């Protein structure tokens, strides 16, 4: 039986800025362990074909936009019995070469932990509240319609774990999906993301699935990454509709 590689990763691309994407891919390729990156192209015209012709990059053309979760799920059969760990990675993230090995070392020590994620910073160095409590309807509404935010200030405060020391590790309810490092076996057993969510809420949903399997998600702030965070649904009506649709599906599935 062929020996497993240390880590696989998947990036789903659609309308990406090439410089940002190149930086993200290079950050992963700089990781000094055995690795393979699956670049999943959701564009109609195979826009990224041949752009990243590196040894450890495998390009997969979907030919249509199937969404975030379904895109990542395409490689489930490929990574089964292929890698020990799998990274779900956004195309606008950067990090240094020690982040992944250090996270793997931590993840390896905890049988109960299926997924680990680092502290996330904005490009200006400001803290990004990437680990959160499971959302409530009022909180999502307040985030989207800022004029009502003061009414739900305490809910938002607790929802972002601002009542905890975010410089210490803890088991978070959910962690934003820009950088999820899984034990591959657990990710495959979870069957990846629920692809009924075209975009948004799939990261919350998979965290719920992990909790339902009696496993944990570890927020580990000793390691840091940078995430641009486009916040597209606050600027684009179509993305706002997709976000709203996903939220409705989430609450129907898990309850309010």
Protein backbone atom coordinates (compact mmCIF):
# COMPACT_ATOMS: atom_id res chain seq x y z
CA UNK A 1 0.00 0.00 0.00
CA UNK A 2 1.33 3.41 -1.00
CA UNK A 3 2.34 5.65 1.91
CA UNK A 4 0.04 8.59 2.55
CA UNK A 5 1.22 12.14 1.98
CA UNK A 6 1.22 14.51 4.93
CA UNK A 7 -1.35 16.99 3.70
CA UNK A 8 -3.74 17.68 0.86
CA UNK A 9 -5.52 20.99 0.34
CA UNK A 10 -8.36 22.27 -1.80
CA UNK A 11 -9.05 25.76 -3.10
CA UNK A 12 -12.27 26.47 -5.01
CA UNK A 13 -11.83 29.34 -7.47
CA UNK A 14 -14.32 31.45 -9.39
CA UNK A 15 -13.83 35.21 -9.74
CA UNK A 16 -10.45 35.50 -8.07
CA UNK A 17 -7.77 38.17 -8.16
CA UNK A 18 -4.80 36.37 -9.65
CA UNK A 19 -2.20 38.07 -7.43
CA UNK A 20 -4.05 37.09 -4.25
CA UNK A 21 -4.58 33.54 -5.47
CA UNK A 22 -0.93 33.20 -6.50
CA UNK A 23 0.16 34.31 -3.03
CA UNK A 24 -2.14 31.80 -1.34
CA UNK A 25 -0.95 28.92 -3.52
CA UNK A 26 2.69 29.82 -2.95
CA UNK A 27 2.14 29.95 0.81
CA UNK A 28 0.84 26.40 0.70
CA UNK A 29 3.61 25.19 -1.61
CA UNK A 30 6.23 26.68 0.74
CA UNK A 31 5.10 24.28 3.46
CA UNK A 32 8.07 21.90 3.98
CA UNK A 33 6.16 18.59 4.08
CA UNK A 34 4.71 16.18 1.50
CA UNK A 35 1.69 17.90 0.00
CA UNK A 36 -0.80 18.14 -2.87
CA UNK A 37 -3.06 21.06 -3.72
CA UNK A 38 -6.30 20.51 -5.62
CA UNK A 39 -7.30 23.67 -7.50
CA UNK A 40 -11.00 23.37 -8.30
CA UNK A 41 -12.10 25.73 -11.06
CA UNK A 42 -15.79 26.67 -10.98
CA UNK A 43 -15.56 29.04 -13.97
CA UNK A 44 -17.45 28.22 -17.15
CA UNK A 45 -14.45 28.76 -19.44
CA UNK A 46 -11.72 26.97 -17.43
CA UNK A 47 -10.20 30.36 -16.65
CA UNK A 48 -7.40 28.99 -14.46
CA UNK A 49 -6.35 26.04 -16.63
CA UNK A 50 -2.56 25.97 -17.05
CA UNK A 51 -2.04 29.04 -14.86
CA UNK A 52 -0.51 27.13 -11.95
CA UNK A 53 1.57 24.41 -13.56
CA UNK A 54 3.51 23.34 -10.48
CA UNK A 55 4.46 19.83 -9.43
CA UNK A 56 2.27 19.69 -6.32
CA UNK A 57 -0.81 21.33 -7.88
CA UNK A 58 -3.59 19.29 -9.49
CA UNK A 59 -6.05 21.30 -11.56
CA UNK A 60 -9.71 20.20 -11.73
CA UNK A 61 -12.07 21.93 -14.16
CA UNK A 62 -15.73 21.69 -13.12
CA UNK A 63 -17.11 23.61 -16.11
CA UNK A 64 -19.82 25.34 -14.11
CA UNK A 65 -20.24 27.12 -10.79
CA UNK A 66 -21.40 24.41 -8.39
CA UNK A 67 -20.74 26.45 -5.27
CA UNK A 68 -18.21 26.43 -2.44
CA UNK A 69 -19.09 23.27 -0.54
CA UNK A 70 -19.81 21.11 -3.56
CA UNK A 71 -16.54 22.27 -5.10
CA UNK A 72 -14.52 21.13 -2.10
CA UNK A 73 -16.44 17.86 -1.96
CA UNK A 74 -15.26 16.90 -5.45
CA UNK A 75 -11.95 15.67 -4.04
CA UNK A 76 -13.37 13.53 -1.20
CA UNK A 77 -12.67 10.27 -3.03
CA UNK A 78 -9.24 11.52 -4.11
CA UNK A 79 -8.03 12.29 -0.59
CA UNK A 80 -9.46 9.18 1.07
CA UNK A 81 -6.46 6.99 1.98
CA UNK A 82 -4.23 9.56 0.22
CA UNK A 83 -3.46 12.19 2.88
CA UNK A 84 -3.30 12.27 6.66
CA UNK A 85 -4.59 15.84 6.89
CA UNK A 86 -6.68 18.01 4.61
CA UNK A 87 -6.84 21.80 4.44
CA UNK A 88 -9.89 23.68 3.20
CA UNK A 89 -8.37 26.95 2.06
CA UNK A 90 -9.79 30.21 0.73
CA UNK A 91 -8.07 31.86 -2.26
CA UNK A 92 -7.32 35.09 -0.37
CA UNK A 93 -5.32 33.77 2.59
CA UNK A 94 -1.61 34.06 3.37
CA UNK A 95 0.57 32.46 6.02
CA UNK A 96 4.16 31.48 6.72
CA UNK A 97 5.71 28.07 6.11
CA UNK A 98 5.59 26.92 9.74
CA UNK A 99 1.85 27.38 10.28
CA UNK A 100 0.64 24.10 8.80
CA UNK A 101 3.31 21.85 10.41
CA UNK A 102 2.68 23.46 13.79
CA UNK A 103 -1.09 23.03 13.47
CA UNK A 104 -0.64 19.40 12.41
CA UNK A 105 1.55 18.76 15.45
CA UNK A 106 -1.17 20.16 17.71
CA UNK A 107 -3.98 18.31 15.92
CA UNK A 108 -2.05 15.04 16.15
CA UNK A 109 -2.01 15.24 19.94
CA UNK A 110 -5.80 15.41 20.35
CA UNK A 111 -7.88 12.36 19.40
CA UNK A 112 -11.15 14.20 20.04
CA UNK A 113 -10.31 17.13 17.69
CA UNK A 114 -11.35 16.76 14.05
CA UNK A 115 -10.48 20.26 12.89
CA UNK A 116 -8.10 23.01 13.97
CA UNK A 117 -7.89 26.63 12.85
CA UNK A 118 -5.54 29.53 13.67
CA UNK A 119 -6.11 33.12 14.65
CA UNK A 120 -7.13 35.19 11.61
CA UNK A 121 -5.98 38.75 10.94
CA UNK A 122 -7.01 41.34 8.38
CA UNK A 123 -4.22 42.55 6.06
CA UNK A 124 -3.86 45.62 8.29
CA UNK A 125 -3.12 43.36 11.26
CA UNK A 126 -6.48 43.87 12.96
CA UNK A 127 -8.06 40.81 14.58
CA UNK A 128 -10.75 39.05 12.53
CA UNK A 129 -13.41 37.36 14.65
CA UNK A 130 -13.24 34.00 12.90
CA UNK A 131 -14.40 31.79 15.77
CA UNK A 132 -17.95 32.28 16.96
CA UNK A 133 -20.87 30.82 18.79
CA UNK A 134 -23.56 29.30 16.64
CA UNK A 135 -25.57 32.17 15.10
CA UNK A 136 -29.01 33.31 16.11
CA UNK A 137 -31.45 34.85 13.65
CA UNK A 138 -31.31 38.19 15.47
CA UNK A 139 -27.51 38.24 15.24
CA UNK A 140 -27.46 37.57 11.50
CA UNK A 141 -30.04 40.30 10.93
CA UNK A 142 -28.07 42.76 13.04
CA UNK A 143 -24.87 42.01 11.11
CA UNK A 144 -26.60 42.57 7.81
CA UNK A 145 -28.68 45.62 8.76
CA UNK A 146 -26.29 47.70 10.84
CA UNK A 147 -28.93 50.28 11.84
CA UNK A 148 -30.45 47.67 14.21
CA UNK A 149 -27.08 46.41 15.49
CA UNK A 150 -27.15 48.53 18.71
CA UNK A 151 -30.30 46.68 19.81
CA UNK A 152 -28.46 43.34 19.66
CA UNK A 153 -25.07 44.58 20.84
CA UNK A 154 -24.79 42.05 23.67
CA UNK A 155 -25.75 39.15 21.39
CA UNK A 156 -23.11 40.14 18.84
CA UNK A 157 -20.55 40.60 21.63
CA UNK A 158 -21.08 37.07 22.93
CA UNK A 159 -21.48 35.65 19.42
CA UNK A 160 -17.92 36.75 18.58
CA UNK A 161 -16.56 35.30 21.83
CA UNK A 162 -15.54 38.76 22.97
CA UNK A 163 -16.29 37.55 26.48
CA UNK A 164 -13.36 35.09 26.19
CA UNK A 165 -9.59 35.46 25.96
CA UNK A 166 -9.02 35.05 22.22
CA UNK A 167 -5.29 34.69 22.74
CA UNK A 168 -5.86 31.27 24.36
CA UNK A 169 -6.93 28.02 22.71
CA UNK A 170 -10.43 26.69 23.25
CA UNK A 171 -13.08 24.51 21.62
CA UNK A 172 -15.17 26.94 19.56
CA UNK A 173 -18.72 26.29 18.44
CA UNK A 174 -17.94 27.26 14.88
CA UNK A 175 -14.95 28.63 12.99
CA UNK A 176 -15.17 30.56 9.72
CA UNK A 177 -14.21 28.43 6.74
CA UNK A 178 -11.30 30.37 5.26
CA UNK A 179 -8.79 27.94 6.81
CA UNK A 180 -10.02 24.60 8.18
CA UNK A 181 -7.37 21.96 8.82
CA UNK A 182 -8.96 18.51 9.22
CA UNK A 183 -7.84 15.01 9.91
CA UNK A 184 -8.59 13.64 6.45
CA UNK A 185 -10.30 10.56 7.86
CA UNK A 186 -12.74 12.71 9.82
CA UNK A 187 -13.41 15.08 6.90
CA UNK A 188 -14.23 12.11 4.65
CA UNK A 189 -16.43 10.50 7.32
CA UNK A 190 -18.34 13.78 7.63
CA UNK A 191 -18.85 13.58 3.83
CA UNK A 192 -17.41 17.06 3.61
CA UNK A 193 -19.77 19.99 3.34
CA UNK A 194 -23.52 19.84 2.87
CA UNK A 195 -23.65 20.95 -0.76
CA UNK A 196 -27.24 22.13 -0.45
CA UNK A 197 -25.63 25.40 0.64
CA UNK A 198 -24.44 27.01 -2.59
CA UNK A 199 -22.47 29.66 -0.71
CA UNK A 200 -22.32 30.78 2.93
CA UNK A 201 -23.28 28.87 6.11
CA UNK A 202 -21.64 25.64 4.96
CA UNK A 203 -18.81 26.29 7.42
CA UNK A 204 -21.28 26.70 10.29
CA UNK A 205 -23.09 23.56 9.19
CA UNK A 206 -19.98 21.36 9.10
CA UNK A 207 -19.05 22.56 12.58
CA UNK A 208 -22.50 21.44 13.71
CA UNK A 209 -21.85 18.06 12.09
CA UNK A 210 -18.54 17.75 13.95
CA UNK A 211 -20.29 18.48 17.25
CA UNK A 212 -22.97 15.91 16.40
CA UNK A 213 -20.23 13.30 15.94
CA UNK A 214 -18.94 14.02 19.48
CA UNK A 215 -15.72 15.53 18.13
CA UNK A 216 -14.36 19.05 18.57
CA UNK A 217 -13.06 22.10 16.68
CA UNK A 218 -10.00 23.75 18.18
CA UNK A 219 -9.29 27.46 17.84
CA UNK A 220 -5.50 27.76 18.17
CA UNK A 221 -4.30 31.40 18.23
CA UNK A 222 -0.61 30.62 18.67
CA UNK A 223 -0.58 30.35 14.88
CA UNK A 224 -1.79 33.25 12.71
CA UNK A 225 -2.89 33.73 9.11
CA UNK A 226 -4.02 36.75 7.09
CA UNK A 227 -7.38 36.76 5.32
CA UNK A 228 -8.56 39.52 2.98
CA UNK A 229 -12.30 38.79 3.63
CA UNK A 230 -14.30 40.19 0.71
CA UNK A 231 -17.69 40.31 2.51
CA UNK A 232 -19.35 40.00 -0.87
CA UNK A 233 -22.90 39.53 0.39
CA UNK A 234 -22.89 43.03 1.91
CA UNK A 235 -22.03 44.56 -1.49
CA UNK A 236 -23.69 42.31 -4.09
CA UNK A 237 -27.47 41.73 -4.18
CA UNK A 238 -27.09 38.28 -5.75
CA UNK A 239 -24.66 37.18 -3.03
CA UNK A 240 -26.95 38.69 -0.39
CA UNK A 241 -29.77 36.51 -1.74
CA UNK A 242 -27.51 33.42 -1.63
CA UNK A 243 -26.49 34.23 1.95
CA UNK A 244 -30.12 34.66 2.99
CA UNK A 245 -31.14 31.42 1.27
CA UNK A 246 -28.34 29.53 3.01
CA UNK A 247 -29.32 30.97 6.39
CA UNK A 248 -32.93 29.81 5.88
CA UNK A 249 -31.69 26.30 4.97
CA UNK A 250 -29.44 26.26 8.02
CA UNK A 251 -32.19 27.17 10.51
CA UNK A 252 -34.64 24.74 8.92
CA UNK A 253 -32.04 22.00 9.28
CA UNK A 254 -30.76 22.74 12.79
CA UNK A 255 -33.52 24.81 14.35
CA UNK A 256 -33.57 28.41 15.56
